Amino acid sequence: VAGSANTRGFGAVDWLLGLVVLGLALAVFIPYTVGDKQDRSILICVKNLRELDKAMRLWQLDNQKDTLSAVTLEEIIPYLKDGEALKCPSVGQYIVTGLTNPPSCTIPGHALVNEGE
């Protein structure tokens, strides 16, 4: 029977309350997922920087260079695990300038920090 008190559906207030609850849940959940993705990107980038540093040392030994020698990213690619350039997951660029400087990434926070201490 149309209009009967027993067949009442969701009203505007019910929908609004549902949207508020959903919005609060998303506001709590989304920062955690974004933060986890950023943390993973940093971990992968730092792992890549360590690989680049190892490749620099292998290049130094093979070419009998001292620690003041300059080296380029192109020169160390053959010393990487798969012989291919590594890529930062956050689309940063890796910078290799010389054996006295550790490799770095153009993304802030992606760095070899306190390595060897």
PDB file of N, CA and C in Angstrom:
ATOM      1  N   VAL A   1       0.858  -1.174   0.000  1.00  0.00           N
ATOM      2  CA  VAL A   1       0.000   0.000   0.000  1.00  0.00           C
ATOM      3  C   VAL A   1       0.903   1.234   0.000  1.00  0.00           C
ATOM      4  N   ALA A   2       0.726   2.078  -0.970  1.00  0.00           N
ATOM      5  CA  ALA A   2       1.549   3.278  -1.098  1.00  0.00           C
ATOM      6  C   ALA A   2       1.263   4.247   0.033  1.00  0.00           C
ATOM      7  N   GLY A   3       2.340   4.800   0.601  1.00  0.00           N
ATOM      8  CA  GLY A   3       2.184   5.788   1.654  1.00  0.00           C
ATOM      9  C   GLY A   3       1.991   5.191   3.034  1.00  0.00           C
ATOM     10  N   SER A   4       2.060   3.901   3.159  1.00  0.00           N
ATOM     11  CA  SER A   4       1.891   3.239   4.450  1.00  0.00           C
ATOM     12  C   SER A   4       3.078   3.559   5.350  1.00  0.00           C
ATOM     13  N   ALA A   5       2.889   3.654   6.642  1.00  0.00           N
ATOM     14  CA  ALA A   5       3.939   3.982   7.604  1.00  0.00           C
ATOM     15  C   ALA A   5       4.983   2.880   7.689  1.00  0.00           C
ATOM     16  N   ASN A   6       4.651   1.647   7.345  1.00  0.00           N
ATOM     17  CA  ASN A   6       5.576   0.522   7.429  1.00  0.00           C
ATOM     18  C   ASN A   6       6.530   0.438   6.236  1.00  0.00           C
ATOM     19  N   THR A   7       6.316   1.162   5.159  1.00  0.00           N
ATOM     20  CA  THR A   7       7.163   1.082   3.962  1.00  0.00           C
ATOM     21  C   THR A   7       8.066   2.310   3.828  1.00  0.00           C
ATOM     22  N   ARG A   8       8.405   2.893   4.926  1.00  0.00           N
ATOM     23  CA  ARG A   8       9.233   4.096   4.913  1.00  0.00           C
ATOM     24  C   ARG A   8      10.653   3.761   4.451  1.00  0.00           C
ATOM     25  N   GLY A   9      11.225   4.543   3.523  1.00  0.00           N
ATOM     26  CA  GLY A   9      12.585   4.337   3.020  1.00  0.00           C
ATOM     27  C   GLY A   9      13.558   5.278   3.713  1.00  0.00           C
ATOM     28  N   PHE A  10      14.727   5.430   3.103  1.00  0.00           N
ATOM     29  CA  PHE A  10      15.727   6.350   3.641  1.00  0.00           C
ATOM     30  C   PHE A  10      15.342   7.777   3.306  1.00  0.00           C
ATOM     31  N   GLY A  11      15.408   8.652   4.287  1.00  0.00           N
ATOM     32  CA  GLY A  11      15.122  10.057   4.068  1.00  0.00           C
ATOM     33  C   GLY A  11      16.399  10.831   3.813  1.00  0.00           C
ATOM     34  N   ALA A  12      16.267  12.103   3.582  1.00  0.00           N
ATOM     35  CA  ALA A  12      17.412  12.968   3.299  1.00  0.00           C
ATOM     36  C   ALA A  12      18.388  12.997   4.478  1.00  0.00           C
ATOM     37  N   VAL A  13      17.872  13.000   5.680  1.00  0.00           N
ATOM     38  CA  VAL A  13      18.733  13.028   6.868  1.00  0.00           C
ATOM     39  C   VAL A  13      19.530  11.733   6.971  1.00  0.00           C
ATOM     40  N   ASP A  14      18.897  10.607   6.658  1.00  0.00           N
ATOM     41  CA  ASP A  14      19.594   9.315   6.695  1.00  0.00           C
ATOM     42  C   ASP A  14      20.739   9.289   5.682  1.00  0.00           C
ATOM     43  N   TRP A  15      20.477   9.776   4.476  1.00  0.00           N
ATOM     44  CA  TRP A  15      21.521   9.810   3.447  1.00  0.00           C
ATOM     45  C   TRP A  15      22.657  10.751   3.857  1.00  0.00           C
ATOM     46  N   LEU A  16      22.306  11.888   4.410  1.00  0.00           N
ATOM     47  CA  LEU A  16      23.312  12.849   4.846  1.00  0.00           C
ATOM     48  C   LEU A  16      24.177  12.263   5.958  1.00  0.00           C
ATOM     49  N   LEU A  17      23.544  11.592   6.909  1.00  0.00           N
ATOM     50  CA  LEU A  17      24.291  10.956   7.991  1.00  0.00           C
ATOM     51  C   LEU A  17      25.228   9.877   7.441  1.00  0.00           C
ATOM     52  N   GLY A  18      24.748   9.101   6.474  1.00  0.00           N
ATOM     53  CA  GLY A  18      25.584   8.071   5.843  1.00  0.00           C
ATOM     54  C   GLY A  18      26.788   8.677   5.140  1.00  0.00           C
ATOM     55  N   LEU A  19      26.588   9.788   4.447  1.00  0.00           N
ATOM     56  CA  LEU A  19      27.695  10.462   3.760  1.00  0.00           C
ATOM     57  C   LEU A  19      28.713  11.027   4.750  1.00  0.00           C
ATOM     58  N   VAL A  20      28.243  11.543   5.868  1.00  0.00           N
ATOM     59  CA  VAL A  20      29.150  12.068   6.889  1.00  0.00           C
ATOM     60  C   VAL A  20      30.010  10.941   7.457  1.00  0.00           C
ATOM     61  N   VAL A  21      29.394   9.805   7.761  1.00  0.00           N
ATOM     62  CA  VAL A  21      30.135   8.661   8.295  1.00  0.00           C
ATOM     63  C   VAL A  21      31.157   8.171   7.268  1.00  0.00           C
ATOM     64  N   LEU A  22      30.747   8.068   6.006  1.00  0.00           N
ATOM     65  CA  LEU A  22      31.665   7.642   4.948  1.00  0.00           C
ATOM     66  C   LEU A  22      32.815   8.640   4.792  1.00  0.00           C
ATOM     67  N   GLY A  23      32.516   9.918   4.834  1.00  0.00           N
ATOM     68  CA  GLY A  23      33.553  10.943   4.726  1.00  0.00           C
ATOM     69  C   GLY A  23      34.558  10.870   5.863  1.00  0.00           C
ATOM     70  N   LEU A  24      34.073  10.647   7.071  1.00  0.00           N
ATOM     71  CA  LEU A  24      34.977  10.509   8.217  1.00  0.00           C
ATOM     72  C   LEU A  24      35.858   9.276   8.083  1.00  0.00           C
ATOM     73  N   ALA A  25      35.271   8.176   7.624  1.00  0.00           N
ATOM     74  CA  ALA A  25      36.055   6.951   7.440  1.00  0.00           C
ATOM     75  C   ALA A  25      37.152   7.169   6.401  1.00  0.00           C
ATOM     76  N   LEU A  26      36.828   7.830   5.309  1.00  0.00           N
ATOM     77  CA  LEU A  26      37.831   8.110   4.277  1.00  0.00           C
ATOM     78  C   LEU A  26      38.899   9.070   4.790  1.00  0.00           C
ATOM     79  N   ALA A  27      38.491  10.059   5.575  1.00  0.00           N
ATOM     80  CA  ALA A  27      39.454  11.022   6.112  1.00  0.00           C
ATOM     81  C   ALA A  27      40.463  10.348   7.033  1.00  0.00           C
ATOM     82  N   VAL A  28      40.053   9.296   7.700  1.00  0.00           N
ATOM     83  CA  VAL A  28      40.960   8.566   8.587  1.00  0.00           C
ATOM     84  C   VAL A  28      41.810   7.577   7.803  1.00  0.00           C
ATOM     85  N   PHE A  29      41.237   6.911   6.813  1.00  0.00           N
ATOM     86  CA  PHE A  29      41.906   5.821   6.105  1.00  0.00           C
ATOM     87  C   PHE A  29      42.895   6.299   5.041  1.00  0.00           C
ATOM     88  N   ILE A  30      42.554   7.307   4.269  1.00  0.00           N
ATOM     89  CA  ILE A  30      43.375   7.728   3.123  1.00  0.00           C
ATOM     90  C   ILE A  30      44.788   8.166   3.522  1.00  0.00           C
ATOM     91  N   PRO A  31      44.985   8.960   4.568  1.00  0.00           N
ATOM     92  CA  PRO A  31      46.371   9.338   4.907  1.00  0.00           C
ATOM     93  C   PRO A  31      47.277   8.143   5.188  1.00  0.00           C
ATOM     94  N   TYR A  32      46.734   7.079   5.767  1.00  0.00           N
ATOM     95  CA  TYR A  32      47.558   5.899   6.042  1.00  0.00           C
ATOM     96  C   TYR A  32      47.990   5.214   4.758  1.00  0.00           C
ATOM     97  N   THR A  33      47.099   5.114   3.782  1.00  0.00           N
ATOM     98  CA  THR A  33      47.471   4.445   2.533  1.00  0.00           C
ATOM     99  C   THR A  33      48.452   5.288   1.737  1.00  0.00           C
ATOM    100  N   VAL A  34      48.279   6.604   1.729  1.00  0.00           N
ATOM    101  CA  VAL A  34      49.208   7.484   1.016  1.00  0.00           C
ATOM    102  C   VAL A  34      50.573   7.444   1.690  1.00  0.00           C
ATOM    103  N   GLY A  35      50.597   7.485   3.017  1.00  0.00           N
ATOM    104  CA  GLY A  35      51.860   7.430   3.754  1.00  0.00           C
ATOM    105  C   GLY A  35      52.601   6.130   3.512  1.00  0.00           C
ATOM    106  N   ASP A  36      51.884   4.999   3.468  1.00  0.00           N
ATOM    107  CA  ASP A  36      52.519   3.708   3.209  1.00  0.00           C
ATOM    108  C   ASP A  36      53.151   3.675   1.825  1.00  0.00           C
ATOM    109  N   LYS A  37      52.456   4.231   0.836  1.00  0.00           N
ATOM    110  CA  LYS A  37      52.994   4.246  -0.526  1.00  0.00           C
ATOM    111  C   LYS A  37      54.266   5.098  -0.591  1.00  0.00           C
ATOM    112  N   GLN A  38      54.256   6.246   0.089  1.00  0.00           N
ATOM    113  CA  GLN A  38      55.441   7.101   0.103  1.00  0.00           C
ATOM    114  C   GLN A  38      56.595   6.405   0.809  1.00  0.00           C
ATOM    115  N   ASP A  39      56.303   5.720   1.920  1.00  0.00           N
ATOM    116  CA  ASP A  39      57.351   4.990   2.640  1.00  0.00           C
ATOM    117  C   ASP A  39      57.965   3.910   1.761  1.00  0.00           C
ATOM    118  N   ARG A  40      57.136   3.179   1.021  1.00  0.00           N
ATOM    119  CA  ARG A  40      57.649   2.138   0.121  1.00  0.00           C
ATOM    120  C   ARG A  40      58.515   2.752  -0.972  1.00  0.00           C
ATOM    121  N   SER A  41      58.093   3.888  -1.501  1.00  0.00           N
ATOM    122  CA  SER A  41      58.881   4.558  -2.544  1.00  0.00           C
ATOM    123  C   SER A  41      60.253   4.954  -2.023  1.00  0.00           C
ATOM    124  N   ILE A  42      60.294   5.459  -0.800  1.00  0.00           N
ATOM    125  CA  ILE A  42      61.581   5.847  -0.209  1.00  0.00           C
ATOM    126  C   ILE A  42      62.461   4.623  -0.017  1.00  0.00           C
ATOM    127  N   LEU A  43      61.887   3.536   0.491  1.00  0.00           N
ATOM    128  CA  LEU A  43      62.670   2.313   0.711  1.00  0.00           C
ATOM    129  C   LEU A  43      63.246   1.772  -0.592  1.00  0.00           C
ATOM    130  N   ILE A  44      62.437   1.755  -1.644  1.00  0.00           N
ATOM    131  CA  ILE A  44      62.903   1.259  -2.948  1.00  0.00           C
ATOM    132  C   ILE A  44      63.994   2.175  -3.497  1.00  0.00           C
ATOM    133  N   CYS A  45      63.792   3.479  -3.377  1.00  0.00           N
ATOM    134  CA  CYS A  45      64.783   4.428  -3.888  1.00  0.00           C
ATOM    135  C   CYS A  45      66.109   4.277  -3.143  1.00  0.00           C
ATOM    136  N   VAL A  46      66.068   4.159  -1.821  1.00  0.00           N
ATOM    137  CA  VAL A  46      67.300   4.003  -1.039  1.00  0.00           C
ATOM    138  C   VAL A  46      67.991   2.691  -1.395  1.00  0.00           C
ATOM    139  N   LYS A  47      67.211   1.639  -1.627  1.00  0.00           N
ATOM    140  CA  LYS A  47      67.789   0.358  -2.073  1.00  0.00           C
ATOM    141  C   LYS A  47      68.515   0.563  -3.405  1.00  0.00           C
ATOM    142  N   ASN A  48      67.890   1.292  -4.327  1.00  0.00           N
ATOM    143  CA  ASN A  48      68.525   1.581  -5.618  1.00  0.00           C
ATOM    144  C   ASN A  48      69.802   2.407  -5.440  1.00  0.00           C
ATOM    145  N   LEU A  49      69.769   3.373  -4.530  1.00  0.00           N
ATOM    146  CA  LEU A  49      70.966   4.186  -4.280  1.00  0.00           C
ATOM    147  C   LEU A  49      72.107   3.330  -3.736  1.00  0.00           C
ATOM    148  N   ARG A  50      71.780   2.359  -2.894  1.00  0.00           N
ATOM    149  CA  ARG A  50      72.824   1.444  -2.390  1.00  0.00           C
ATOM    150  C   ARG A  50      73.415   0.623  -3.537  1.00  0.00           C
ATOM    151  N   GLU A  51      72.546   0.169  -4.454  1.00  0.00           N
ATOM    152  CA  GLU A  51      73.025  -0.589  -5.620  1.00  0.00           C
ATOM    153  C   GLU A  51      73.939   0.281  -6.482  1.00  0.00           C
ATOM    154  N   LEU A  52      73.558   1.535  -6.659  1.00  0.00           N
ATOM    155  CA  LEU A  52      74.404   2.448  -7.434  1.00  0.00           C
ATOM    156  C   LEU A  52      75.751   2.647  -6.754  1.00  0.00           C
ATOM    157  N   ASP A  53      75.738   2.770  -5.427  1.00  0.00           N
ATOM    158  CA  ASP A  53      76.989   2.949  -4.691  1.00  0.00           C
ATOM    159  C   ASP A  53      77.886   1.718  -4.839  1.00  0.00           C
ATOM    160  N   LYS A  54      77.299   0.530  -4.771  1.00  0.00           N
ATOM    161  CA  LYS A  54      78.083  -0.706  -4.973  1.00  0.00           C
ATOM    162  C   LYS A  54      78.667  -0.747  -6.381  1.00  0.00           C
ATOM    163  N   ALA A  55      77.860  -0.354  -7.366  1.00  0.00           N
ATOM    164  CA  ALA A  55      78.333  -0.343  -8.752  1.00  0.00           C
ATOM    165  C   ALA A  55      79.483   0.647  -8.920  1.00  0.00           C
ATOM    166  N   MET A  56      79.403   1.778  -8.225  1.00  0.00           N
ATOM    167  CA  MET A  56      80.496   2.756  -8.285  1.00  0.00           C
ATOM    168  C   MET A  56      81.787   2.155  -7.748  1.00  0.00           C
ATOM    169  N   ARG A  57      81.700   1.407  -6.660  1.00  0.00           N
ATOM    170  CA  ARG A  57      82.899   0.784  -6.058  1.00  0.00           C
ATOM    171  C   ARG A  57      83.469  -0.301  -6.972  1.00  0.00           C
ATOM    172  N   LEU A  58      82.601  -1.078  -7.602  1.00  0.00           N
ATOM    173  CA  LEU A  58      83.079  -2.100  -8.548  1.00  0.00           C
ATOM    174  C   LEU A  58      83.768  -1.447  -9.743  1.00  0.00           C
ATOM    175  N   TRP A  59      83.168  -0.365 -10.249  1.00  0.00           N
ATOM    176  CA  TRP A  59      83.773   0.375 -11.364  1.00  0.00           C
ATOM    177  C   TRP A  59      85.154   0.889 -10.948  1.00  0.00           C
ATOM    178  N   GLN A  60      85.254   1.413  -9.718  1.00  0.00           N
ATOM    179  CA  GLN A  60      86.523   1.928  -9.208  1.00  0.00           C
ATOM    180  C   GLN A  60      87.585   0.833  -9.180  1.00  0.00           C
ATOM    181  N   LEU A  61      87.228  -0.350  -8.687  1.00  0.00           N
ATOM    182  CA  LEU A  61      88.188  -1.458  -8.617  1.00  0.00           C
ATOM    183  C   LEU A  61      88.600  -1.937 -10.002  1.00  0.00           C
ATOM    184  N   ASP A  62      87.618  -2.128 -10.884  1.00  0.00           N
ATOM    185  CA  ASP A  62      87.927  -2.617 -12.232  1.00  0.00           C
ATOM    186  C   ASP A  62      88.789  -1.647 -13.031  1.00  0.00           C
ATOM    187  N   ASN A  63      88.598  -0.367 -12.804  1.00  0.00           N
ATOM    188  CA  ASN A  63      89.323   0.645 -13.575  1.00  0.00           C
ATOM    189  C   ASN A  63      90.507   1.234 -12.826  1.00  0.00           C
ATOM    190  N   GLN A  64      90.802   0.684 -11.666  1.00  0.00           N
ATOM    191  CA  GLN A  64      91.938   1.108 -10.840  1.00  0.00           C
ATOM    192  C   GLN A  64      91.962   2.624 -10.648  1.00  0.00           C
ATOM    193  N   LYS A  65      90.833   3.158 -10.208  1.00  0.00           N
ATOM    194  CA  LYS A  65      90.704   4.603  -9.980  1.00  0.00           C
ATOM    195  C   LYS A  65      90.825   4.903  -8.492  1.00  0.00           C
ATOM    196  N   ASP A  66      91.316   6.103  -8.189  1.00  0.00           N
ATOM    197  CA  ASP A  66      91.363   6.502  -6.779  1.00  0.00           C
ATOM    198  C   ASP A  66      90.019   7.126  -6.385  1.00  0.00           C
ATOM    199  N   THR A  67      89.872   7.428  -5.105  1.00  0.00           N
ATOM    200  CA  THR A  67      88.582   7.920  -4.616  1.00  0.00           C
ATOM    201  C   THR A  67      88.238   9.326  -5.093  1.00  0.00           C
ATOM    202  N   LEU A  68      89.184  10.051  -5.653  1.00  0.00           N
ATOM    203  CA  LEU A  68      88.908  11.393  -6.161  1.00  0.00           C
ATOM    204  C   LEU A  68      88.436  11.385  -7.615  1.00  0.00           C
ATOM    205  N   SER A  69      88.362  10.222  -8.213  1.00  0.00           N
ATOM    206  CA  SER A  69      87.980  10.117  -9.626  1.00  0.00           C
ATOM    207  C   SER A  69      86.500  10.430  -9.832  1.00  0.00           C
ATOM    208  N   ALA A  70      86.231  11.042 -10.970  1.00  0.00           N
ATOM    209  CA  ALA A  70      84.845  11.296 -11.368  1.00  0.00           C
ATOM    210  C   ALA A  70      84.301  10.056 -12.063  1.00  0.00           C
ATOM    211  N   VAL A  71      83.033   9.812 -11.889  1.00  0.00           N
ATOM    212  CA  VAL A  71      82.373   8.683 -12.541  1.00  0.00           C
ATOM    213  C   VAL A  71      80.969   9.135 -12.931  1.00  0.00           C
ATOM    214  N   THR A  72      80.474   8.605 -14.032  1.00  0.00           N
ATOM    215  CA  THR A  72      79.128   8.967 -14.477  1.00  0.00           C
ATOM    216  C   THR A  72      78.188   7.774 -14.323  1.00  0.00           C
ATOM    217  N   LEU A  73      76.916   8.073 -14.351  1.00  0.00           N
ATOM    218  CA  LEU A  73      75.899   7.024 -14.256  1.00  0.00           C
ATOM    219  C   LEU A  73      76.045   6.032 -15.408  1.00  0.00           C
ATOM    220  N   GLU A  74      76.326   6.530 -16.591  1.00  0.00           N
ATOM    221  CA  GLU A  74      76.468   5.659 -17.761  1.00  0.00           C
ATOM    222  C   GLU A  74      77.621   4.669 -17.589  1.00  0.00           C
ATOM    223  N   GLU A  75      78.683   5.102 -16.928  1.00  0.00           N
ATOM    224  CA  GLU A  75      79.847   4.232 -16.740  1.00  0.00           C
ATOM    225  C   GLU A  75      79.574   3.076 -15.776  1.00  0.00           C
ATOM    226  N   ILE A  76      78.664   3.274 -14.835  1.00  0.00           N
ATOM    227  CA  ILE A  76      78.433   2.219 -13.842  1.00  0.00           C
ATOM    228  C   ILE A  76      77.257   1.304 -14.175  1.00  0.00           C
ATOM    229  N   ILE A  77      76.480   1.634 -15.194  1.00  0.00           N
ATOM    230  CA  ILE A  77      75.322   0.794 -15.550  1.00  0.00           C
ATOM    231  C   ILE A  77      75.721  -0.662 -15.785  1.00  0.00           C
ATOM    232  N   PRO A  78      76.833  -0.951 -16.469  1.00  0.00           N
ATOM    233  CA  PRO A  78      77.199  -2.364 -16.649  1.00  0.00           C
ATOM    234  C   PRO A  78      77.472  -3.100 -15.331  1.00  0.00           C
ATOM    235  N   TYR A  79      77.716  -2.368 -14.267  1.00  0.00           N
ATOM    236  CA  TYR A  79      78.011  -2.982 -12.971  1.00  0.00           C
ATOM    237  C   TYR A  79      76.752  -3.200 -12.122  1.00  0.00           C
ATOM    238  N   LEU A  80      75.609  -2.771 -12.620  1.00  0.00           N
ATOM    239  CA  LEU A  80      74.350  -2.984 -11.909  1.00  0.00           C
ATOM    240  C   LEU A  80      73.861  -4.410 -12.131  1.00  0.00           C
ATOM    241  N   LYS A  81      73.000  -4.866 -11.245  1.00  0.00           N
ATOM    242  CA  LYS A  81      72.554  -6.263 -11.239  1.00  0.00           C
ATOM    243  C   LYS A  81      72.084  -6.746 -12.613  1.00  0.00           C
ATOM    244  N   ASP A  82      71.184  -6.019 -13.247  1.00  0.00           N
ATOM    245  CA  ASP A  82      70.668  -6.441 -14.550  1.00  0.00           C
ATOM    246  C   ASP A  82      71.310  -5.692 -15.712  1.00  0.00           C
ATOM    247  N   GLY A  83      72.310  -4.867 -15.427  1.00  0.00           N
ATOM    248  CA  GLY A  83      72.964  -4.104 -16.481  1.00  0.00           C
ATOM    249  C   GLY A  83      72.074  -3.030 -17.077  1.00  0.00           C
ATOM    250  N   GLU A  84      71.044  -2.630 -16.322  1.00  0.00           N
ATOM    251  CA  GLU A  84      70.116  -1.604 -16.795  1.00  0.00           C
ATOM    252  C   GLU A  84      70.034  -0.483 -15.772  1.00  0.00           C
ATOM    253  N   ALA A  85      69.720   0.712 -16.250  1.00  0.00           N
ATOM    254  CA  ALA A  85      69.595   1.864 -15.354  1.00  0.00           C
ATOM    255  C   ALA A  85      68.449   1.642 -14.371  1.00  0.00           C
ATOM    256  N   LEU A  86      68.666   2.048 -13.139  1.00  0.00           N
ATOM    257  CA  LEU A  86      67.632   1.946 -12.115  1.00  0.00           C
ATOM    258  C   LEU A  86      66.732   3.169 -12.181  1.00  0.00           C
ATOM    259  N   LYS A  87      65.474   3.005 -11.748  1.00  0.00           N
ATOM    260  CA  LYS A  87      64.518   4.111 -11.786  1.00  0.00           C
ATOM    261  C   LYS A  87      63.934   4.339 -10.402  1.00  0.00           C
ATOM    262  N   CYS A  88      63.876   5.588 -10.009  1.00  0.00           N
ATOM    263  CA  CYS A  88      63.235   5.955  -8.749  1.00  0.00           C
ATOM    264  C   CYS A  88      61.729   5.753  -8.905  1.00  0.00           C
ATOM    265  N   PRO A  89      61.068   5.100  -7.943  1.00  0.00           N
ATOM    266  CA  PRO A  89      59.627   4.872  -8.054  1.00  0.00           C
ATOM    267  C   PRO A  89      58.807   6.160  -8.001  1.00  0.00           C
ATOM    268  N   SER A  90      59.411   7.244  -7.536  1.00  0.00           N
ATOM    269  CA  SER A  90      58.713   8.534  -7.490  1.00  0.00           C
ATOM    270  C   SER A  90      59.109   9.422  -8.662  1.00  0.00           C
ATOM    271  N   VAL A  91      59.712   8.839  -9.679  1.00  0.00           N
ATOM    272  CA  VAL A  91      60.115   9.506 -10.917  1.00  0.00           C
ATOM    273  C   VAL A  91      61.211  10.550 -10.684  1.00  0.00           C
ATOM    274  N   GLY A  92      62.020  10.342  -9.656  1.00  0.00           N
ATOM    275  CA  GLY A  92      63.186  11.193  -9.450  1.00  0.00           C
ATOM    276  C   GLY A  92      64.314  10.754 -10.376  1.00  0.00           C
ATOM    277  N   GLN A  93      65.330  11.573 -10.465  1.00  0.00           N
ATOM    278  CA  GLN A  93      66.499  11.264 -11.282  1.00  0.00           C
ATOM    279  C   GLN A  93      67.674  10.959 -10.364  1.00  0.00           C
ATOM    280  N   TYR A  94      68.428   9.918 -10.691  1.00  0.00           N
ATOM    281  CA  TYR A  94      69.611   9.581  -9.910  1.00  0.00           C
ATOM    282  C   TYR A  94      70.795  10.387 -10.419  1.00  0.00           C
ATOM    283  N   ILE A  95      71.610  10.860  -9.477  1.00  0.00           N
ATOM    284  CA  ILE A  95      72.773  11.681  -9.806  1.00  0.00           C
ATOM    285  C   ILE A  95      74.027  10.997  -9.269  1.00  0.00           C
ATOM    286  N   VAL A  96      74.980  10.777 -10.167  1.00  0.00           N
ATOM    287  CA  VAL A  96      76.273  10.205  -9.805  1.00  0.00           C
ATOM    288  C   VAL A  96      77.324  11.190 -10.292  1.00  0.00           C
ATOM    289  N   THR A  97      78.145  11.710  -9.353  1.00  0.00           N
ATOM    290  CA  THR A  97      79.130  12.723  -9.746  1.00  0.00           C
ATOM    291  C   THR A  97      80.565  12.274  -9.548  1.00  0.00           C
ATOM    292  N   GLY A  98      80.803  11.487  -8.553  1.00  0.00           N
ATOM    293  CA  GLY A  98      82.170  11.048  -8.293  1.00  0.00           C
ATOM    294  C   GLY A  98      82.208  10.094  -7.124  1.00  0.00           C
ATOM    295  N   LEU A  99      83.358   9.502  -6.917  1.00  0.00           N
ATOM    296  CA  LEU A  99      83.487   8.485  -5.879  1.00  0.00           C
ATOM    297  C   LEU A  99      83.474   9.066  -4.468  1.00  0.00           C
ATOM    298  N   THR A 100      83.763  10.357  -4.322  1.00  0.00           N
ATOM    299  CA  THR A 100      83.739  10.956  -2.985  1.00  0.00           C
ATOM    300  C   THR A 100      82.325  11.322  -2.543  1.00  0.00           C
ATOM    301  N   ASN A 101      81.390  11.378  -3.483  1.00  0.00           N
ATOM    302  CA  ASN A 101      79.999  11.708  -3.169  1.00  0.00           C
ATOM    303  C   ASN A 101      79.120  10.481  -3.370  1.00  0.00           C
ATOM    304  N   PRO A 102      78.251  10.173  -2.419  1.00  0.00           N
ATOM    305  CA  PRO A 102      77.342   9.052  -2.648  1.00  0.00           C
ATOM    306  C   PRO A 102      76.332   9.416  -3.734  1.00  0.00           C
ATOM    307  N   PRO A 103      75.786   8.430  -4.418  1.00  0.00           N
ATOM    308  CA  PRO A 103      74.751   8.735  -5.405  1.00  0.00           C
ATOM    309  C   PRO A 103      73.557   9.377  -4.702  1.00  0.00           C
ATOM    310  N   SER A 104      72.828  10.205  -5.428  1.00  0.00           N
ATOM    311  CA  SER A 104      71.685  10.887  -4.824  1.00  0.00           C
ATOM    312  C   SER A 104      70.492  10.854  -5.765  1.00  0.00           C
ATOM    313  N   CYS A 105      69.340  11.239  -5.229  1.00  0.00           N
ATOM    314  CA  CYS A 105      68.096  11.301  -5.993  1.00  0.00           C
ATOM    315  C   CYS A 105      67.577  12.732  -5.911  1.00  0.00           C
ATOM    316  N   THR A 106      66.889  13.171  -6.951  1.00  0.00           N
ATOM    317  CA  THR A 106      66.369  14.536  -6.981  1.00  0.00           C
ATOM    318  C   THR A 106      65.117  14.714  -6.125  1.00  0.00           C
ATOM    319  N   ILE A 107      64.537  13.633  -5.623  1.00  0.00           N
ATOM    320  CA  ILE A 107      63.345  13.731  -4.773  1.00  0.00           C
ATOM    321  C   ILE A 107      63.787  13.968  -3.322  1.00  0.00           C
ATOM    322  N   PRO A 108      63.301  15.031  -2.668  1.00  0.00           N
ATOM    323  CA  PRO A 108      63.660  15.269  -1.266  1.00  0.00           C
ATOM    324  C   PRO A 108      63.275  14.077  -0.383  1.00  0.00           C
ATOM    325  N   GLY A 109      64.170  13.713   0.515  1.00  0.00           N
ATOM    326  CA  GLY A 109      63.913  12.586   1.413  1.00  0.00           C
ATOM    327  C   GLY A 109      64.420  11.261   0.890  1.00  0.00           C
ATOM    328  N   HIS A 110      64.763  11.194  -0.393  1.00  0.00           N
ATOM    329  CA  HIS A 110      65.320   9.976  -0.979  1.00  0.00           C
ATOM    330  C   HIS A 110      66.836  10.128  -0.966  1.00  0.00           C
ATOM    331  N   ALA A 111      67.479   9.583   0.051  1.00  0.00           N
ATOM    332  CA  ALA A 111      68.928   9.760   0.169  1.00  0.00           C
ATOM    333  C   ALA A 111      69.531   8.662   1.015  1.00  0.00           C
ATOM    334  N   LEU A 112      70.815   8.430   0.787  1.00  0.00           N
ATOM    335  CA  LEU A 112      71.573   7.534   1.659  1.00  0.00           C
ATOM    336  C   LEU A 112      71.953   8.357   2.887  1.00  0.00           C
ATOM    337  N   VAL A 113      71.244   8.160   3.974  1.00  0.00           N
ATOM    338  CA  VAL A 113      71.464   8.936   5.190  1.00  0.00           C
ATOM    339  C   VAL A 113      72.143   8.061   6.223  1.00  0.00           C
ATOM    340  N   ASN A 114      73.218   8.581   6.806  1.00  0.00           N
ATOM    341  CA  ASN A 114      73.955   7.878   7.860  1.00  0.00           C
ATOM    342  C   ASN A 114      74.459   6.515   7.411  1.00  0.00           C
ATOM    343  N   GLU A 115      74.760   6.382   6.148  1.00  0.00           N
ATOM    344  CA  GLU A 115      75.288   5.104   5.658  1.00  0.00           C
ATOM    345  C   GLU A 115      76.702   4.919   6.171  1.00  0.00           C
ATOM    346  N   GLY A 116      77.018   3.722   6.593  1.00  0.00           N
ATOM    347  CA  GLY A 116      78.359   3.387   7.024  1.00  0.00           C
ATOM    348  C   GLY A 116      78.681   3.814   8.442  1.00  0.00           C
ATOM    349  N   GLU A 117      77.699   4.336   9.166  1.00  0.00           N
ATOM    350  CA  GLU A 117      77.958   4.741  10.559  1.00  0.00           C
ATOM    351  C   GLU A 117      77.506   3.661  11.501  1.00  0.00           C
TER     352      GLU A 117
END
